[in-house]
Amino acid sequence: MASSSSPLDPAVVRRIARLARIRLADEDVAQLQTELGSIIGWIEQLDEVDVSGVDPLANIGAASMTLRDDVVTDGDQVDAVLANAPARSGPFFTVPKVVE
């Protein structure tokens, strides 16, 4: 496609908009051309990243999640939680009555 040294031409911008199913008025082509050029510039910066010694990741299926036991607790932090409540009654939130 194009690089930051050779900006996208209007025909390419119109084609990208058509493929993305974006209705593009003629007066908006220049703005989108600039925006797409900036996006491509950001992507080209990835070429500057040193990835030597980094194994490619083909899929995340091989990654393992660290799991903890699924134990129900109350957190034992009633006072800390209720400190942010606008109103409280003992160890409970107090809310305005909404149903008569």
N, C-alpha and C. Protein backbone atom coordinates (compact mmCIF):
# COMPACT_ATOMS: atom_id res chain seq x y z
N MET A 1 0.85 -1.16 0.00
CA MET A 1 0.00 0.00 0.00
C MET A 1 0.89 1.22 0.00
N ALA A 2 0.59 2.20 0.83
CA ALA A 2 1.37 3.42 0.85
C ALA A 2 2.16 3.48 2.14
N SER A 3 3.19 4.29 2.13
CA SER A 3 3.95 4.50 3.36
C SER A 3 3.88 5.97 3.71
N SER A 4 4.41 6.33 4.87
CA SER A 4 4.34 7.72 5.30
C SER A 4 5.14 8.62 4.36
N SER A 5 6.14 8.06 3.65
CA SER A 5 6.90 8.85 2.70
C SER A 5 6.12 9.08 1.41
N SER A 6 5.19 8.21 1.08
CA SER A 6 4.31 8.43 -0.08
C SER A 6 2.87 8.32 0.41
N PRO A 7 2.21 9.47 0.58
CA PRO A 7 0.88 9.46 1.16
C PRO A 7 -0.13 8.70 0.30
N LEU A 8 -1.19 8.30 0.95
CA LEU A 8 -2.27 7.61 0.23
C LEU A 8 -2.87 8.56 -0.79
N ASP A 9 -3.13 8.07 -1.98
CA ASP A 9 -3.77 8.94 -2.95
C ASP A 9 -5.30 8.85 -2.77
N PRO A 10 -6.03 9.83 -3.26
CA PRO A 10 -7.48 9.86 -3.06
C PRO A 10 -8.21 8.62 -3.57
N ALA A 11 -7.71 8.00 -4.64
CA ALA A 11 -8.36 6.80 -5.16
C ALA A 11 -8.28 5.66 -4.15
N VAL A 12 -7.14 5.52 -3.49
CA VAL A 12 -6.98 4.46 -2.48
C VAL A 12 -7.89 4.76 -1.29
N VAL A 13 -7.97 6.02 -0.88
CA VAL A 13 -8.83 6.40 0.24
C VAL A 13 -10.28 6.07 -0.09
N ARG A 14 -10.72 6.40 -1.29
CA ARG A 14 -12.11 6.09 -1.70
C ARG A 14 -12.35 4.57 -1.71
N ARG A 15 -11.35 3.81 -2.16
CA ARG A 15 -11.50 2.35 -2.20
C ARG A 15 -11.60 1.78 -0.79
N ILE A 16 -10.76 2.26 0.12
CA ILE A 16 -10.82 1.81 1.51
C ILE A 16 -12.19 2.13 2.11
N ALA A 17 -12.69 3.33 1.85
CA ALA A 17 -14.01 3.73 2.36
C ALA A 17 -15.10 2.83 1.78
N ARG A 18 -15.00 2.51 0.50
CA ARG A 18 -16.01 1.65 -0.12
C ARG A 18 -15.96 0.24 0.49
N LEU A 19 -14.76 -0.29 0.68
CA LEU A 19 -14.63 -1.63 1.27
C LEU A 19 -15.14 -1.66 2.71
N ALA A 20 -14.98 -0.54 3.42
CA ALA A 20 -15.45 -0.45 4.80
C ALA A 20 -16.92 -0.06 4.87
N ARG A 21 -17.53 0.12 3.72
CA ARG A 21 -18.94 0.52 3.63
C ARG A 21 -19.18 1.86 4.32
N ILE A 22 -18.23 2.79 4.10
CA ILE A 22 -18.34 4.14 4.64
C ILE A 22 -18.68 5.08 3.50
N ARG A 23 -19.79 5.80 3.64
CA ARG A 23 -20.14 6.79 2.63
C ARG A 23 -19.20 7.97 2.81
N LEU A 24 -18.49 8.34 1.76
CA LEU A 24 -17.47 9.37 1.85
C LEU A 24 -17.76 10.47 0.84
N ALA A 25 -18.04 11.65 1.35
CA ALA A 25 -18.26 12.80 0.47
C ALA A 25 -16.91 13.27 -0.06
N ASP A 26 -16.92 13.89 -1.24
CA ASP A 26 -15.68 14.35 -1.88
C ASP A 26 -14.89 15.29 -0.98
N GLU A 27 -15.59 16.14 -0.23
CA GLU A 27 -14.89 17.11 0.63
C GLU A 27 -14.25 16.46 1.86
N ASP A 28 -14.60 15.19 2.14
CA ASP A 28 -14.03 14.49 3.30
C ASP A 28 -12.83 13.62 2.94
N VAL A 29 -12.52 13.51 1.66
CA VAL A 29 -11.42 12.63 1.23
C VAL A 29 -10.09 13.10 1.80
N ALA A 30 -9.82 14.39 1.74
CA ALA A 30 -8.54 14.91 2.21
C ALA A 30 -8.35 14.65 3.70
N GLN A 31 -9.39 14.85 4.50
CA GLN A 31 -9.28 14.62 5.94
C GLN A 31 -9.03 13.14 6.22
N LEU A 32 -9.78 12.26 5.56
CA LEU A 32 -9.59 10.83 5.78
C LEU A 32 -8.21 10.39 5.28
N GLN A 33 -7.75 11.01 4.21
CA GLN A 33 -6.42 10.71 3.68
C GLN A 33 -5.36 11.01 4.74
N THR A 34 -5.50 12.15 5.43
CA THR A 34 -4.56 12.52 6.49
C THR A 34 -4.65 11.56 7.67
N GLU A 35 -5.87 11.23 8.07
CA GLU A 35 -6.07 10.33 9.22
C GLU A 35 -5.52 8.94 8.94
N LEU A 36 -5.80 8.41 7.76
CA LEU A 36 -5.29 7.08 7.40
C LEU A 36 -3.76 7.10 7.30
N GLY A 37 -3.21 8.19 6.80
CA GLY A 37 -1.76 8.31 6.73
C GLY A 37 -1.13 8.29 8.12
N SER A 38 -1.79 8.93 9.08
CA SER A 38 -1.29 8.92 10.46
C SER A 38 -1.35 7.52 11.05
N ILE A 39 -2.43 6.81 10.78
CA ILE A 39 -2.57 5.43 11.27
C ILE A 39 -1.48 4.55 10.69
N ILE A 40 -1.24 4.68 9.41
CA ILE A 40 -0.19 3.88 8.77
C ILE A 40 1.18 4.26 9.34
N GLY A 41 1.38 5.53 9.65
CA GLY A 41 2.63 5.95 10.27
C GLY A 41 2.85 5.29 11.62
N TRP A 42 1.78 5.19 12.42
CA TRP A 42 1.89 4.51 13.72
C TRP A 42 2.24 3.04 13.52
N ILE A 43 1.62 2.42 12.54
CA ILE A 43 1.89 1.01 12.27
C ILE A 43 3.34 0.83 11.82
N GLU A 44 3.83 1.74 11.00
CA GLU A 44 5.21 1.64 10.53
C GLU A 44 6.22 1.78 11.66
N GLN A 45 5.83 2.46 12.75
CA GLN A 45 6.73 2.58 13.91
C GLN A 45 6.99 1.22 14.54
N LEU A 46 6.09 0.28 14.36
CA LEU A 46 6.29 -1.05 14.92
C LEU A 46 7.51 -1.74 14.30
N ASP A 47 7.86 -1.35 13.07
CA ASP A 47 9.06 -1.92 12.44
C ASP A 47 10.33 -1.55 13.20
N GLU A 48 10.28 -0.46 13.98
CA GLU A 48 11.45 0.00 14.70
C GLU A 48 11.65 -0.73 16.03
N VAL A 49 10.66 -1.50 16.46
CA VAL A 49 10.75 -2.20 17.74
C VAL A 49 11.65 -3.41 17.59
N ASP A 50 12.59 -3.54 18.53
CA ASP A 50 13.51 -4.68 18.53
C ASP A 50 12.80 -5.88 19.14
N VAL A 51 12.47 -6.86 18.33
CA VAL A 51 11.78 -8.06 18.80
C VAL A 51 12.69 -9.28 18.76
N SER A 52 13.99 -9.04 18.62
CA SER A 52 14.90 -10.18 18.62
C SER A 52 14.85 -10.83 20.00
N GLY A 53 14.79 -12.13 20.01
CA GLY A 53 14.69 -12.86 21.27
C GLY A 53 13.27 -13.01 21.77
N VAL A 54 12.29 -12.50 21.04
CA VAL A 54 10.89 -12.65 21.42
C VAL A 54 10.28 -13.69 20.50
N ASP A 55 9.81 -14.77 21.10
CA ASP A 55 9.19 -15.81 20.30
C ASP A 55 7.84 -15.34 19.77
N PRO A 56 7.54 -15.65 18.51
CA PRO A 56 6.23 -15.27 17.97
C PRO A 56 5.12 -16.02 18.70
N LEU A 57 3.99 -15.37 18.84
CA LEU A 57 2.84 -15.97 19.49
C LEU A 57 1.82 -16.34 18.42
N ALA A 58 1.65 -17.64 18.20
CA ALA A 58 0.73 -18.11 17.17
C ALA A 58 -0.70 -18.12 17.68
N ASN A 59 -0.88 -18.53 18.93
CA ASN A 59 -2.22 -18.47 19.54
C ASN A 59 -2.06 -18.45 21.05
N ILE A 60 -3.10 -18.03 21.72
CA ILE A 60 -3.01 -17.92 23.17
C ILE A 60 -3.47 -19.19 23.87
N GLY A 61 -3.82 -20.20 23.10
CA GLY A 61 -4.29 -21.45 23.68
C GLY A 61 -3.24 -22.12 24.55
N ALA A 62 -1.98 -21.89 24.23
CA ALA A 62 -0.91 -22.51 25.01
C ALA A 62 -0.67 -21.79 26.33
N ALA A 63 -1.17 -20.58 26.46
CA ALA A 63 -0.98 -19.82 27.70
C ALA A 63 -1.84 -20.43 28.79
N SER A 64 -1.31 -20.39 30.00
CA SER A 64 -2.09 -20.94 31.11
C SER A 64 -2.48 -19.83 32.07
N MET A 65 -3.67 -19.92 32.58
CA MET A 65 -4.18 -18.94 33.53
C MET A 65 -3.85 -19.39 34.94
N THR A 66 -3.49 -18.45 35.78
CA THR A 66 -3.30 -18.75 37.19
C THR A 66 -4.67 -18.66 37.85
N LEU A 67 -5.11 -19.76 38.41
CA LEU A 67 -6.43 -19.80 39.01
C LEU A 67 -6.33 -19.83 40.52
N ARG A 68 -7.36 -19.30 41.16
CA ARG A 68 -7.45 -19.39 42.60
C ARG A 68 -8.71 -20.16 42.95
N ASP A 69 -8.79 -20.64 44.17
CA ASP A 69 -9.98 -21.34 44.61
C ASP A 69 -11.16 -20.38 44.60
N ASP A 70 -12.31 -20.86 44.18
CA ASP A 70 -13.52 -20.07 44.13
C ASP A 70 -14.20 -20.14 45.50
N VAL A 71 -13.82 -19.22 46.37
CA VAL A 71 -14.31 -19.22 47.74
C VAL A 71 -15.11 -17.94 47.96
N VAL A 72 -16.31 -18.06 48.48
CA VAL A 72 -17.15 -16.91 48.76
C VAL A 72 -16.73 -16.31 50.09
N THR A 73 -16.44 -15.02 50.08
CA THR A 73 -16.12 -14.30 51.32
C THR A 73 -16.85 -12.97 51.30
N ASP A 74 -17.03 -12.39 52.45
CA ASP A 74 -17.66 -11.07 52.50
C ASP A 74 -16.63 -9.96 52.42
N GLY A 75 -15.38 -10.30 52.39
CA GLY A 75 -14.32 -9.31 52.31
C GLY A 75 -13.95 -8.74 53.66
N ASP A 76 -14.83 -8.87 54.63
CA ASP A 76 -14.58 -8.41 55.99
C ASP A 76 -14.12 -6.95 56.02
N GLN A 77 -14.76 -6.11 55.17
CA GLN A 77 -14.40 -4.70 55.10
C GLN A 77 -15.65 -3.83 55.12
N VAL A 78 -16.60 -4.16 55.97
CA VAL A 78 -17.88 -3.46 56.01
C VAL A 78 -17.67 -1.97 56.24
N ASP A 79 -16.87 -1.60 57.22
CA ASP A 79 -16.68 -0.18 57.53
C ASP A 79 -16.01 0.57 56.37
N ALA A 80 -15.04 -0.06 55.73
CA ALA A 80 -14.36 0.59 54.60
C ALA A 80 -15.31 0.80 53.43
N VAL A 81 -16.17 -0.18 53.17
CA VAL A 81 -17.12 -0.06 52.06
C VAL A 81 -18.18 0.99 52.39
N LEU A 82 -18.71 0.94 53.58
CA LEU A 82 -19.77 1.87 53.96
C LEU A 82 -19.26 3.28 54.20
N ALA A 83 -17.97 3.48 54.29
CA ALA A 83 -17.41 4.82 54.46
C ALA A 83 -17.75 5.71 53.26
N ASN A 84 -17.98 5.11 52.09
CA ASN A 84 -18.32 5.87 50.89
C ASN A 84 -19.82 6.02 50.68
N ALA A 85 -20.62 5.44 51.55
CA ALA A 85 -22.08 5.48 51.39
C ALA A 85 -22.61 6.85 51.80
N PRO A 86 -23.54 7.40 51.03
CA PRO A 86 -24.13 8.68 51.42
C PRO A 86 -24.98 8.56 52.69
N ALA A 87 -25.57 7.39 52.92
CA ALA A 87 -26.36 7.14 54.13
C ALA A 87 -26.26 5.67 54.48
N ARG A 88 -26.30 5.38 55.79
CA ARG A 88 -26.21 3.99 56.21
C ARG A 88 -27.04 3.79 57.46
N SER A 89 -27.42 2.54 57.66
CA SER A 89 -28.17 2.16 58.86
C SER A 89 -27.49 0.90 59.38
N GLY A 90 -26.66 1.06 60.40
CA GLY A 90 -25.90 -0.08 60.90
C GLY A 90 -24.94 -0.55 59.83
N PRO A 91 -24.89 -1.85 59.54
CA PRO A 91 -23.96 -2.36 58.53
C PRO A 91 -24.58 -2.41 57.13
N PHE A 92 -25.58 -1.55 56.85
CA PHE A 92 -26.29 -1.59 55.57
C PHE A 92 -26.31 -0.21 54.92
N PHE A 93 -26.38 -0.22 53.56
CA PHE A 93 -26.61 1.01 52.82
C PHE A 93 -28.06 1.44 53.05
N THR A 94 -28.32 2.74 53.15
CA THR A 94 -29.68 3.25 53.21
C THR A 94 -29.95 3.96 51.90
N VAL A 95 -31.04 3.58 51.25
CA VAL A 95 -31.39 4.18 49.96
C VAL A 95 -32.79 4.78 50.05
N PRO A 96 -33.09 5.78 49.23
CA PRO A 96 -34.42 6.37 49.25
C PRO A 96 -35.49 5.35 48.83
N LYS A 97 -36.65 5.50 49.40
CA LYS A 97 -37.77 4.62 49.05
C LYS A 97 -38.22 4.96 47.63
N VAL A 98 -38.34 3.94 46.77
CA VAL A 98 -38.73 4.17 45.39
C VAL A 98 -40.08 3.57 45.05
N VAL A 99 -40.62 2.70 45.91
CA VAL A 99 -41.90 2.06 45.66
C VAL A 99 -42.80 2.36 46.85
N GLU A 100 -44.01 2.80 46.58
CA GLU A 100 -44.99 3.06 47.65
C GLU A 100 -45.73 1.79 47.99
